[in-house]
Amino acid sequence: MNSSYSNRTWTTSDGTWNATRARTDQTLNSRAIVIDVRTDSAGSITTPTVTGGIEDLTVSTLQVFTGAPGILNVYVNDVLAGDIPYSSSVQTTTISRH
């Protein structure tokens, strides 16, 4: 686990994932990646290409450091698919394919 913000890459059976301005020293549901959203150059997570898009995406969020609650935009194949809210309480959100 690493408490410094940097670029991260990991590979799953679906392909390679990338995160920018990310750290890995926090947990939520036994694992988590922290994305820095404090500035205009906020971090991001990029998944492998998903041919045909997604059916459902369920994400749990928790704001573990100080600051205001906010919204994360989720893009699927470069199209805005929905928003994921975050705050100091755990929130689980599902974005469904339209």
Protein backbone atom coordinates (compact mmCIF):
# COMPACT_ATOMS: atom_id res chain seq x y z
CA MET A 1 0.00 0.00 0.00
CA ASN A 2 1.22 3.46 -0.83
CA SER A 3 0.13 6.81 0.67
CA SER A 4 1.61 9.01 -2.06
CA TYR A 5 -0.42 10.15 -5.06
CA SER A 6 0.97 8.86 -8.35
CA ASN A 7 -0.03 6.99 -11.49
CA ARG A 8 -1.00 3.35 -10.92
CA THR A 9 -1.45 0.44 -13.34
CA TRP A 10 -2.81 -3.05 -12.69
CA THR A 11 -3.93 -5.93 -14.87
CA THR A 12 -6.98 -8.16 -14.49
CA SER A 13 -8.46 -10.83 -16.72
CA ASP A 14 -10.32 -8.00 -18.50
CA GLY A 15 -7.13 -6.09 -19.36
CA THR A 16 -5.08 -3.19 -18.01
CA TRP A 17 -6.53 -0.51 -15.72
CA ASN A 18 -4.88 2.89 -15.12
CA ALA A 19 -5.37 5.46 -12.38
CA THR A 20 -3.88 8.94 -12.20
CA ARG A 21 -3.26 10.90 -9.00
CA ALA A 22 -4.13 7.77 -7.00
CA ARG A 23 -3.04 6.13 -3.76
CA THR A 24 -3.68 2.67 -2.33
CA ASP A 25 -3.43 2.99 1.46
CA GLN A 26 -7.16 3.08 2.30
CA THR A 27 -9.80 0.32 2.26
CA LEU A 28 -13.52 0.14 1.55
CA ASN A 29 -15.11 -3.31 1.27
CA SER A 30 -11.60 -4.78 1.84
CA ARG A 31 -9.90 -2.85 -0.99
CA ALA A 32 -9.94 0.64 -2.48
CA ILE A 33 -8.15 3.13 -4.63
CA VAL A 34 -8.12 6.79 -3.59
CA ILE A 35 -8.39 9.38 -6.36
CA ASP A 36 -7.28 12.97 -5.71
CA VAL A 37 -10.08 15.33 -6.86
CA ARG A 38 -8.93 18.49 -5.05
CA THR A 39 -7.83 20.46 -8.11
CA ASP A 40 -8.76 21.10 -11.74
CA SER A 41 -6.31 18.36 -12.73
CA ALA A 42 -8.23 15.73 -10.75
CA GLY A 43 -7.26 12.08 -10.90
CA SER A 44 -9.04 9.46 -12.94
CA ILE A 45 -9.47 5.72 -13.44
CA THR A 46 -9.47 4.23 -16.92
CA THR A 47 -10.68 0.69 -17.60
CA PRO A 48 -9.80 -1.56 -20.49
CA THR A 49 -12.02 -1.03 -23.56
CA VAL A 50 -15.44 -2.57 -23.00
CA THR A 51 -16.77 -3.74 -26.36
CA GLY A 52 -20.47 -2.85 -26.54
CA GLY A 53 -20.35 -0.89 -23.26
CA ILE A 54 -21.50 -2.08 -19.84
CA GLU A 55 -24.71 -3.47 -18.38
CA ASP A 56 -24.47 -2.30 -14.75
CA LEU A 57 -21.64 -0.67 -12.83
CA THR A 58 -21.90 -0.61 -9.04
CA VAL A 59 -19.45 1.55 -7.11
CA SER A 60 -19.10 2.28 -3.38
CA THR A 61 -17.54 5.61 -2.41
CA LEU A 62 -16.35 7.21 0.80
CA GLN A 63 -14.68 10.57 1.27
CA VAL A 64 -11.92 9.71 3.74
CA PHE A 65 -10.16 13.08 3.85
CA THR A 66 -11.46 16.59 4.51
CA GLY A 67 -13.26 18.60 1.88
CA ALA A 68 -16.69 18.99 0.37
CA PRO A 69 -18.81 16.15 -0.99
CA GLY A 70 -18.87 15.86 -4.76
CA ILE A 71 -19.68 13.90 -7.88
CA LEU A 72 -17.49 11.64 -10.04
CA ASN A 73 -18.38 11.47 -13.73
CA VAL A 74 -18.40 7.99 -15.30
CA TYR A 75 -17.69 7.72 -19.01
CA VAL A 76 -18.15 4.48 -20.94
CA ASN A 77 -16.41 4.42 -24.31
CA ASP A 78 -16.08 8.24 -24.15
CA VAL A 79 -19.82 8.80 -23.47
CA LEU A 80 -21.05 10.15 -20.10
CA ALA A 81 -22.93 7.19 -18.57
CA GLY A 82 -23.76 8.69 -15.17
CA ASP A 83 -22.54 10.25 -11.96
CA ILE A 84 -21.24 8.70 -8.74
CA PRO A 85 -21.70 10.84 -5.59
CA TYR A 86 -19.17 10.81 -2.74
CA SER A 87 -19.36 12.16 0.82
CA SER A 88 -18.25 11.35 4.35
CA SER A 89 -20.81 8.49 4.45
CA VAL A 90 -20.45 5.29 2.42
CA GLN A 91 -22.62 5.49 -0.69
CA THR A 92 -23.24 2.69 -3.17
CA THR A 93 -24.46 3.72 -6.61
CA THR A 94 -25.36 1.65 -9.66
CA ILE A 95 -25.25 3.05 -13.17
CA SER A 96 -27.33 0.97 -15.57
CA ARG A 97 -26.99 0.78 -19.31
CA HIS A 98 -29.69 2.76 -21.11
